[in-house]
Structures are given as C-alpha cells and as structure tokens.
Amino acid sequence: MTIGLFSAEPEKVRKCFKLLKSIQSEGIALNLPNVELKELSMGMSGDLEIAIQEGATIIRVGTAIFGERIYPDSYYWDEEKS
C-alpha cells in the first residue's frame, strides 16, 4: 500500500506508483510459499486515474465520497515537527 507524492505534477505521482508496482513484481518473482501479492493498494481521490493506470487494484476515495476535510492537512501531520 502506498500514498503517492502530494504533488500537482502527475509524473512525479506516477513515479511512486510505478515503484510500488515494481516491488510487487519483484515479490511475485520470488515465488515465496504462502505469499500472494495480488492486491496493489495505491491512489486516492485526487490521483486515482494514475493509480489505476499503474496497476492499482484498491484505491481510497474518501474525499470523493465525503468531501474535503474540515481541518487542513497540517492539523493531522505537522511537517515542521518532523
């Protein structure tokens, strides 16, 4: 599962999804016993088209269904503290 880079540049977001798809492919190639890597959870309301193009089987669409959050992103994660 991944959340793509928060960027207005689609190709930067696409790069994140391509990386996870590559990791999934590498894992499948290992043919590990009792390990299935058939699901690929990536993408959210704002970038779901790119995620699907890059192989997502699960996407998160909370904003598309419920609308924007009432608090800014900085309320949930303060980048200045990181």
PDB file of N, CA and C in Angstrom:
ATOM      1  N   MET A   1       0.849  -1.169   0.000  1.00  0.00           N
ATOM      2  CA  MET A   1       0.000   0.000   0.000  1.00  0.00           C
ATOM      3  C   MET A   1       0.896   1.235   0.000  1.00  0.00           C
ATOM      4  N   THR A   2       0.502   2.227  -0.793  1.00  0.00           N
ATOM      5  CA  THR A   2       1.241   3.482  -0.782  1.00  0.00           C
ATOM      6  C   THR A   2       0.305   4.649  -1.066  1.00  0.00           C
ATOM      7  N   ILE A   3       0.721   5.787  -0.617  1.00  0.00           N
ATOM      8  CA  ILE A   3       0.089   7.050  -0.977  1.00  0.00           C
ATOM      9  C   ILE A   3       1.109   7.764  -1.845  1.00  0.00           C
ATOM     10  N   GLY A   4       0.686   8.190  -3.009  1.00  0.00           N
ATOM     11  CA  GLY A   4       1.606   8.869  -3.913  1.00  0.00           C
ATOM     12  C   GLY A   4       2.059  10.212  -3.360  1.00  0.00           C
ATOM     13  N   LEU A   5       3.136  10.697  -3.922  1.00  0.00           N
ATOM     14  CA  LEU A   5       3.659  12.002  -3.554  1.00  0.00           C
ATOM     15  C   LEU A   5       2.573  13.062  -3.695  1.00  0.00           C
ATOM     16  N   PHE A   6       2.458  13.941  -2.722  1.00  0.00           N
ATOM     17  CA  PHE A   6       1.473  15.019  -2.796  1.00  0.00           C
ATOM     18  C   PHE A   6       2.037  16.100  -3.711  1.00  0.00           C
ATOM     19  N   SER A   7       1.665  16.042  -4.980  1.00  0.00           N
ATOM     20  CA  SER A   7       2.215  16.946  -5.977  1.00  0.00           C
ATOM     21  C   SER A   7       1.176  17.215  -7.065  1.00  0.00           C
ATOM     22  N   ALA A   8       1.240  18.399  -7.631  1.00  0.00           N
ATOM     23  CA  ALA A   8       0.376  18.739  -8.757  1.00  0.00           C
ATOM     24  C   ALA A   8       0.953  18.220 -10.070  1.00  0.00           C
ATOM     25  N   GLU A   9       2.153  17.641 -10.021  1.00  0.00           N
ATOM     26  CA  GLU A   9       2.808  17.123 -11.222  1.00  0.00           C
ATOM     27  C   GLU A   9       2.529  15.622 -11.341  1.00  0.00           C
ATOM     28  N   PRO A  10       1.638  15.239 -12.257  1.00  0.00           N
ATOM     29  CA  PRO A  10       1.231  13.837 -12.369  1.00  0.00           C
ATOM     30  C   PRO A  10       2.382  12.853 -12.549  1.00  0.00           C
ATOM     31  N   GLU A  11       3.424  13.232 -13.250  1.00  0.00           N
ATOM     32  CA  GLU A  11       4.524  12.284 -13.480  1.00  0.00           C
ATOM     33  C   GLU A  11       5.312  11.998 -12.208  1.00  0.00           C
ATOM     34  N   LYS A  12       5.352  12.945 -11.289  1.00  0.00           N
ATOM     35  CA  LYS A  12       6.003  12.690 -10.002  1.00  0.00           C
ATOM     36  C   LYS A  12       5.178  11.704  -9.176  1.00  0.00           C
ATOM     37  N   VAL A  13       3.865  11.841  -9.244  1.00  0.00           N
ATOM     38  CA  VAL A  13       2.967  10.919  -8.546  1.00  0.00           C
ATOM     39  C   VAL A  13       3.067   9.536  -9.186  1.00  0.00           C
ATOM     40  N   ARG A  14       3.050   9.501 -10.511  1.00  0.00           N
ATOM     41  CA  ARG A  14       3.137   8.241 -11.249  1.00  0.00           C
ATOM     42  C   ARG A  14       4.398   7.452 -10.856  1.00  0.00           C
ATOM     43  N   LYS A  15       5.490   8.160 -10.643  1.00  0.00           N
ATOM     44  CA  LYS A  15       6.755   7.511 -10.285  1.00  0.00           C
ATOM     45  C   LYS A  15       6.602   6.691  -8.995  1.00  0.00           C
ATOM     46  N   CYS A  16       5.862   7.215  -8.027  1.00  0.00           N
ATOM     47  CA  CYS A  16       5.616   6.487  -6.772  1.00  0.00           C
ATOM     48  C   CYS A  16       4.858   5.189  -7.035  1.00  0.00           C
ATOM     49  N   PHE A  17       3.840   5.261  -7.868  1.00  0.00           N
ATOM     50  CA  PHE A  17       3.027   4.089  -8.153  1.00  0.00           C
ATOM     51  C   PHE A  17       3.803   3.055  -8.971  1.00  0.00           C
ATOM     52  N   LYS A  18       4.623   3.527  -9.884  1.00  0.00           N
ATOM     53  CA  LYS A  18       5.453   2.601 -10.662  1.00  0.00           C
ATOM     54  C   LYS A  18       6.427   1.859  -9.755  1.00  0.00           C
ATOM     55  N   LEU A  19       6.962   2.551  -8.766  1.00  0.00           N
ATOM     56  CA  LEU A  19       7.898   1.915  -7.833  1.00  0.00           C
ATOM     57  C   LEU A  19       7.206   0.797  -7.061  1.00  0.00           C
ATOM     58  N   LEU A  20       6.004   1.051  -6.550  1.00  0.00           N
ATOM     59  CA  LEU A  20       5.314   0.012  -5.797  1.00  0.00           C
ATOM     60  C   LEU A  20       4.953  -1.165  -6.706  1.00  0.00           C
ATOM     61  N   LYS A  21       4.552  -0.890  -7.933  1.00  0.00           N
ATOM     62  CA  LYS A  21       4.248  -1.968  -8.883  1.00  0.00           C
ATOM     63  C   LYS A  21       5.500  -2.811  -9.128  1.00  0.00           C
ATOM     64  N   SER A  22       6.634  -2.163  -9.236  1.00  0.00           N
ATOM     65  CA  SER A  22       7.896  -2.866  -9.434  1.00  0.00           C
ATOM     66  C   SER A  22       8.226  -3.756  -8.230  1.00  0.00           C
ATOM     67  N   ILE A  23       8.014  -3.232  -7.038  1.00  0.00           N
ATOM     68  CA  ILE A  23       8.255  -4.010  -5.823  1.00  0.00           C
ATOM     69  C   ILE A  23       7.321  -5.223  -5.784  1.00  0.00           C
ATOM     70  N   GLN A  24       6.065  -5.015  -6.175  1.00  0.00           N
ATOM     71  CA  GLN A  24       5.118  -6.138  -6.227  1.00  0.00           C
ATOM     72  C   GLN A  24       5.614  -7.205  -7.203  1.00  0.00           C
ATOM     73  N   SER A  25       6.045  -6.784  -8.376  1.00  0.00           N
ATOM     74  CA  SER A  25       6.536  -7.723  -9.389  1.00  0.00           C
ATOM     75  C   SER A  25       7.750  -8.500  -8.890  1.00  0.00           C
ATOM     76  N   GLU A  26       8.657  -7.812  -8.215  1.00  0.00           N
ATOM     77  CA  GLU A  26       9.831  -8.481  -7.646  1.00  0.00           C
ATOM     78  C   GLU A  26       9.421  -9.511  -6.598  1.00  0.00           C
ATOM     79  N   GLY A  27       8.458  -9.153  -5.789  1.00  0.00           N
ATOM     80  CA  GLY A  27       7.973 -10.081  -4.767  1.00  0.00           C
ATOM     81  C   GLY A  27       7.317 -11.310  -5.376  1.00  0.00           C
ATOM     82  N   ILE A  28       6.538 -11.109  -6.416  1.00  0.00           N
ATOM     83  CA  ILE A  28       5.896 -12.231  -7.100  1.00  0.00           C
ATOM     84  C   ILE A  28       6.950 -13.150  -7.700  1.00  0.00           C
ATOM     85  N   ALA A  29       7.988 -12.558  -8.284  1.00  0.00           N
ATOM     86  CA  ALA A  29       9.049 -13.345  -8.915  1.00  0.00           C
ATOM     87  C   ALA A  29       9.796 -14.223  -7.909  1.00  0.00           C
ATOM     88  N   LEU A  30       9.794 -13.837  -6.644  1.00  0.00           N
ATOM     89  CA  LEU A  30      10.460 -14.648  -5.615  1.00  0.00           C
ATOM     90  C   LEU A  30       9.725 -15.965  -5.356  1.00  0.00           C
ATOM     91  N   ASN A  31       8.438 -16.008  -5.734  1.00  0.00           N
ATOM     92  CA  ASN A  31       7.632 -17.225  -5.603  1.00  0.00           C
ATOM     93  C   ASN A  31       7.719 -17.803  -4.190  1.00  0.00           C
ATOM     94  N   LEU A  32       7.522 -16.957  -3.206  1.00  0.00           N
ATOM     95  CA  LEU A  32       7.598 -17.368  -1.808  1.00  0.00           C
ATOM     96  C   LEU A  32       6.396 -18.224  -1.432  1.00  0.00           C
ATOM     97  N   PRO A  33       6.618 -19.290  -0.669  1.00  0.00           N
ATOM     98  CA  PRO A  33       5.496 -20.137  -0.267  1.00  0.00           C
ATOM     99  C   PRO A  33       4.535 -19.374   0.643  1.00  0.00           C
ATOM    100  N   ASN A  34       3.259 -19.590   0.416  1.00  0.00           N
ATOM    101  CA  ASN A  34       2.183 -18.994   1.220  1.00  0.00           C
ATOM    102  C   ASN A  34       2.137 -17.465   1.156  1.00  0.00           C
ATOM    103  N   VAL A  35       2.694 -16.885   0.113  1.00  0.00           N
ATOM    104  CA  VAL A  35       2.660 -15.427  -0.056  1.00  0.00           C
ATOM    105  C   VAL A  35       1.997 -15.111  -1.392  1.00  0.00           C
ATOM    106  N   GLU A  36       0.919 -14.349  -1.328  1.00  0.00           N
ATOM    107  CA  GLU A  36       0.250 -13.888  -2.543  1.00  0.00           C
ATOM    108  C   GLU A  36       0.318 -12.369  -2.565  1.00  0.00           C
ATOM    109  N   LEU A  37       0.711 -11.832  -3.660  1.00  0.00           N
ATOM    110  CA  LEU A  37       0.807 -10.376  -3.805  1.00  0.00           C
ATOM    111  C   LEU A  37      -0.094  -9.929  -4.950  1.00  0.00           C
ATOM    112  N   LYS A  38      -1.379 -10.302  -4.863  1.00  0.00           N
ATOM    113  CA  LYS A  38      -2.280  -9.995  -5.964  1.00  0.00           C
ATOM    114  C   LYS A  38      -2.948  -8.625  -5.846  1.00  0.00           C
ATOM    115  N   GLU A  39      -2.967  -8.055  -4.666  1.00  0.00           N
ATOM    116  CA  GLU A  39      -3.584  -6.740  -4.487  1.00  0.00           C
ATOM    117  C   GLU A  39      -2.517  -5.654  -4.465  1.00  0.00           C
ATOM    118  N   LEU A  40      -2.875  -4.493  -4.989  1.00  0.00           N
ATOM    119  CA  LEU A  40      -1.967  -3.357  -5.002  1.00  0.00           C
ATOM    120  C   LEU A  40      -2.788  -2.123  -4.623  1.00  0.00           C
ATOM    121  N   SER A  41      -2.657  -1.700  -3.371  1.00  0.00           N
ATOM    122  CA  SER A  41      -3.435  -0.596  -2.838  1.00  0.00           C
ATOM    123  C   SER A  41      -2.634   0.698  -2.981  1.00  0.00           C
ATOM    124  N   MET A  42      -3.093   1.544  -3.875  1.00  0.00           N
ATOM    125  CA  MET A  42      -2.424   2.833  -4.070  1.00  0.00           C
ATOM    126  C   MET A  42      -3.383   3.775  -4.769  1.00  0.00           C
ATOM    127  N   GLY A  43      -3.251   5.047  -4.455  1.00  0.00           N
ATOM    128  CA  GLY A  43      -4.093   6.057  -5.070  1.00  0.00           C
ATOM    129  C   GLY A  43      -5.203   6.509  -4.146  1.00  0.00           C
ATOM    130  N   MET A  44      -5.539   7.784  -4.295  1.00  0.00           N
ATOM    131  CA  MET A  44      -6.625   8.380  -3.531  1.00  0.00           C
ATOM    132  C   MET A  44      -7.480   9.193  -4.499  1.00  0.00           C
ATOM    133  N   SER A  45      -8.469   9.885  -3.985  1.00  0.00           N
ATOM    134  CA  SER A  45      -9.421  10.595  -4.835  1.00  0.00           C
ATOM    135  C   SER A  45      -8.754  11.486  -5.876  1.00  0.00           C
ATOM    136  N   GLY A  46      -7.671  12.159  -5.500  1.00  0.00           N
ATOM    137  CA  GLY A  46      -7.044  13.118  -6.398  1.00  0.00           C
ATOM    138  C   GLY A  46      -6.137  12.518  -7.461  1.00  0.00           C
ATOM    139  N   ASP A  47      -5.749  11.248  -7.290  1.00  0.00           N
ATOM    140  CA  ASP A  47      -4.825  10.657  -8.268  1.00  0.00           C
ATOM    141  C   ASP A  47      -5.225   9.234  -8.662  1.00  0.00           C
ATOM    142  N   LEU A  48      -6.495   8.907  -8.472  1.00  0.00           N
ATOM    143  CA  LEU A  48      -6.931   7.539  -8.706  1.00  0.00           C
ATOM    144  C   LEU A  48      -6.756   7.088 -10.147  1.00  0.00           C
ATOM    145  N   GLU A  49      -6.901   7.996 -11.110  1.00  0.00           N
ATOM    146  CA  GLU A  49      -6.738   7.607 -12.515  1.00  0.00           C
ATOM    147  C   GLU A  49      -5.317   7.118 -12.788  1.00  0.00           C
ATOM    148  N   ILE A  50      -4.337   7.830 -12.263  1.00  0.00           N
ATOM    149  CA  ILE A  50      -2.940   7.439 -12.449  1.00  0.00           C
ATOM    150  C   ILE A  50      -2.683   6.106 -11.749  1.00  0.00           C
ATOM    151  N   ALA A  51      -3.202   5.959 -10.540  1.00  0.00           N
ATOM    152  CA  ALA A  51      -3.002   4.723  -9.788  1.00  0.00           C
ATOM    153  C   ALA A  51      -3.571   3.526 -10.547  1.00  0.00           C
ATOM    154  N   ILE A  52      -4.746   3.687 -11.103  1.00  0.00           N
ATOM    155  CA  ILE A  52      -5.358   2.594 -11.868  1.00  0.00           C
ATOM    156  C   ILE A  52      -4.526   2.286 -13.108  1.00  0.00           C
ATOM    157  N   GLN A  53      -4.064   3.316 -13.792  1.00  0.00           N
ATOM    158  CA  GLN A  53      -3.217   3.108 -14.974  1.00  0.00           C
ATOM    159  C   GLN A  53      -1.953   2.323 -14.620  1.00  0.00           C
ATOM    160  N   GLU A  54      -1.452   2.511 -13.404  1.00  0.00           N
ATOM    161  CA  GLU A  54      -0.212   1.860 -12.985  1.00  0.00           C
ATOM    162  C   GLU A  54      -0.446   0.536 -12.266  1.00  0.00           C
ATOM    163  N   GLY A  55      -1.701   0.080 -12.202  1.00  0.00           N
ATOM    164  CA  GLY A  55      -1.968  -1.259 -11.708  1.00  0.00           C
ATOM    165  C   GLY A  55      -2.672  -1.385 -10.372  1.00  0.00           C
ATOM    166  N   ALA A  56      -3.192  -0.300  -9.832  1.00  0.00           N
ATOM    167  CA  ALA A  56      -3.884  -0.378  -8.545  1.00  0.00           C
ATOM    168  C   ALA A  56      -5.091  -1.309  -8.637  1.00  0.00           C
ATOM    169  N   THR A  57      -5.263  -2.124  -7.606  1.00  0.00           N
ATOM    170  CA  THR A  57      -6.458  -2.952  -7.500  1.00  0.00           C
ATOM    171  C   THR A  57      -7.364  -2.449  -6.378  1.00  0.00           C
ATOM    172  N   ILE A  58      -6.816  -1.598  -5.520  1.00  0.00           N
ATOM    173  CA  ILE A  58      -7.575  -0.978  -4.432  1.00  0.00           C
ATOM    174  C   ILE A  58      -7.197   0.498  -4.399  1.00  0.00           C
ATOM    175  N   ILE A  59      -8.199   1.373  -4.321  1.00  0.00           N
ATOM    176  CA  ILE A  59      -7.951   2.815  -4.205  1.00  0.00           C
ATOM    177  C   ILE A  59      -8.766   3.364  -3.038  1.00  0.00           C
ATOM    178  N   ARG A  60      -8.337   4.494  -2.505  1.00  0.00           N
ATOM    179  CA  ARG A  60      -9.046   5.131  -1.403  1.00  0.00           C
ATOM    180  C   ARG A  60      -9.732   6.387  -1.951  1.00  0.00           C
ATOM    181  N   VAL A  61     -11.023   6.474  -1.758  1.00  0.00           N
ATOM    182  CA  VAL A  61     -11.781   7.574  -2.359  1.00  0.00           C
ATOM    183  C   VAL A  61     -12.631   8.331  -1.337  1.00  0.00           C
ATOM    184  N   GLY A  62     -12.141   8.451  -0.120  1.00  0.00           N
ATOM    185  CA  GLY A  62     -12.899   9.119   0.938  1.00  0.00           C
ATOM    186  C   GLY A  62     -13.296  10.546   0.595  1.00  0.00           C
ATOM    187  N   THR A  63     -12.358  11.326   0.070  1.00  0.00           N
ATOM    188  CA  THR A  63     -12.671  12.722  -0.270  1.00  0.00           C
ATOM    189  C   THR A  63     -13.726  12.798  -1.360  1.00  0.00           C
ATOM    190  N   ALA A  64     -13.664  11.910  -2.337  1.00  0.00           N
ATOM    191  CA  ALA A  64     -14.652  11.906  -3.423  1.00  0.00           C
ATOM    192  C   ALA A  64     -16.050  11.594  -2.890  1.00  0.00           C
ATOM    193  N   ILE A  65     -16.122  10.803  -1.840  1.00  0.00           N
ATOM    194  CA  ILE A  65     -17.421  10.419  -1.274  1.00  0.00           C
ATOM    195  C   ILE A  65     -17.881  11.401  -0.202  1.00  0.00           C
ATOM    196  N   PHE A  66     -16.984  11.743   0.728  1.00  0.00           N
ATOM    197  CA  PHE A  66     -17.366  12.528   1.893  1.00  0.00           C
ATOM    198  C   PHE A  66     -17.023  14.013   1.801  1.00  0.00           C
ATOM    199  N   GLY A  67     -16.233  14.407   0.812  1.00  0.00           N
ATOM    200  CA  GLY A  67     -15.841  15.802   0.667  1.00  0.00           C
ATOM    201  C   GLY A  67     -14.536  16.102   1.377  1.00  0.00           C
ATOM    202  N   GLU A  68     -14.108  17.332   1.253  1.00  0.00           N
ATOM    203  CA  GLU A  68     -12.848  17.770   1.853  1.00  0.00           C
ATOM    204  C   GLU A  68     -12.933  17.710   3.375  1.00  0.00           C
ATOM    205  N   ARG A  69     -11.790  17.523   4.011  1.00  0.00           N
ATOM    206  CA  ARG A  69     -11.721  17.539   5.473  1.00  0.00           C
ATOM    207  C   ARG A  69     -11.999  18.957   5.971  1.00  0.00           C
ATOM    208  N   ILE A  70     -12.522  19.022   7.173  1.00  0.00           N
ATOM    209  CA  ILE A  70     -12.806  20.348   7.722  1.00  0.00           C
ATOM    210  C   ILE A  70     -11.564  21.003   8.308  1.00  0.00           C
ATOM    211  N   TYR A  71     -10.500  20.192   8.518  1.00  0.00           N
ATOM    212  CA  TYR A  71      -9.242  20.714   9.039  1.00  0.00           C
ATOM    213  C   TYR A  71      -8.183  20.647   7.941  1.00  0.00           C
ATOM    214  N   PRO A  72      -7.224  21.561   7.957  1.00  0.00           N
ATOM    215  CA  PRO A  72      -6.143  21.492   6.969  1.00  0.00           C
ATOM    216  C   PRO A  72      -5.236  20.282   7.237  1.00  0.00           C
ATOM    217  N   ASP A  73      -4.512  19.850   6.230  1.00  0.00           N
ATOM    218  CA  ASP A  73      -3.601  18.716   6.388  1.00  0.00           C
ATOM    219  C   ASP A  73      -2.640  18.915   7.549  1.00  0.00           C
ATOM    220  N   SER A  74      -2.206  20.159   7.778  1.00  0.00           N
ATOM    221  CA  SER A  74      -1.247  20.422   8.846  1.00  0.00           C
ATOM    222  C   SER A  74      -1.822  20.071  10.229  1.00  0.00           C
ATOM    223  N   TYR A  75      -3.132  19.986  10.349  1.00  0.00           N
ATOM    224  CA  TYR A  75      -3.760  19.580  11.610  1.00  0.00           C
ATOM    225  C   TYR A  75      -3.435  18.114  11.914  1.00  0.00           C
ATOM    226  N   TYR A  76      -3.363  17.302  10.869  1.00  0.00           N
ATOM    227  CA  TYR A  76      -3.122  15.871  11.030  1.00  0.00           C
ATOM    228  C   TYR A  76      -1.647  15.520  11.075  1.00  0.00           C
ATOM    229  N   TRP A  77      -0.833  16.207  10.321  1.00  0.00           N
ATOM    230  CA  TRP A  77       0.612  15.977  10.358  1.00  0.00           C
ATOM    231  C   TRP A  77       1.340  17.304  10.170  1.00  0.00           C
ATOM    232  N   ASP A  78       2.069  17.666  11.189  1.00  0.00           N
ATOM    233  CA  ASP A  78       2.783  18.932  11.214  1.00  0.00           C
ATOM    234  C   ASP A  78       4.201  18.690  10.676  1.00  0.00           C
ATOM    235  N   GLU A  79       4.442  19.100   9.456  1.00  0.00           N
ATOM    236  CA  GLU A  79       5.739  18.865   8.826  1.00  0.00           C
ATOM    237  C   GLU A  79       6.872  19.616   9.508  1.00  0.00           C
ATOM    238  N   GLU A  80       6.564  20.666  10.245  1.00  0.00           N
ATOM    239  CA  GLU A  80       7.600  21.426  10.930  1.00  0.00           C
ATOM    240  C   GLU A  80       8.138  20.649  12.126  1.00  0.00           C
ATOM    241  N   LYS A  81       7.352  19.730  12.698  1.00  0.00           N
ATOM    242  CA  LYS A  81       7.808  18.921  13.829  1.00  0.00           C
ATOM    243  C   LYS A  81       8.619  17.723  13.370  1.00  0.00           C
ATOM    244  N   SER A  82       8.503  17.349  12.119  1.00  0.00           N
ATOM    245  CA  SER A  82       9.208  16.163  11.605  1.00  0.00           C
ATOM    246  C   SER A  82      10.670  16.417  11.387  1.00  0.00           C
TER     247      SER A  82
END
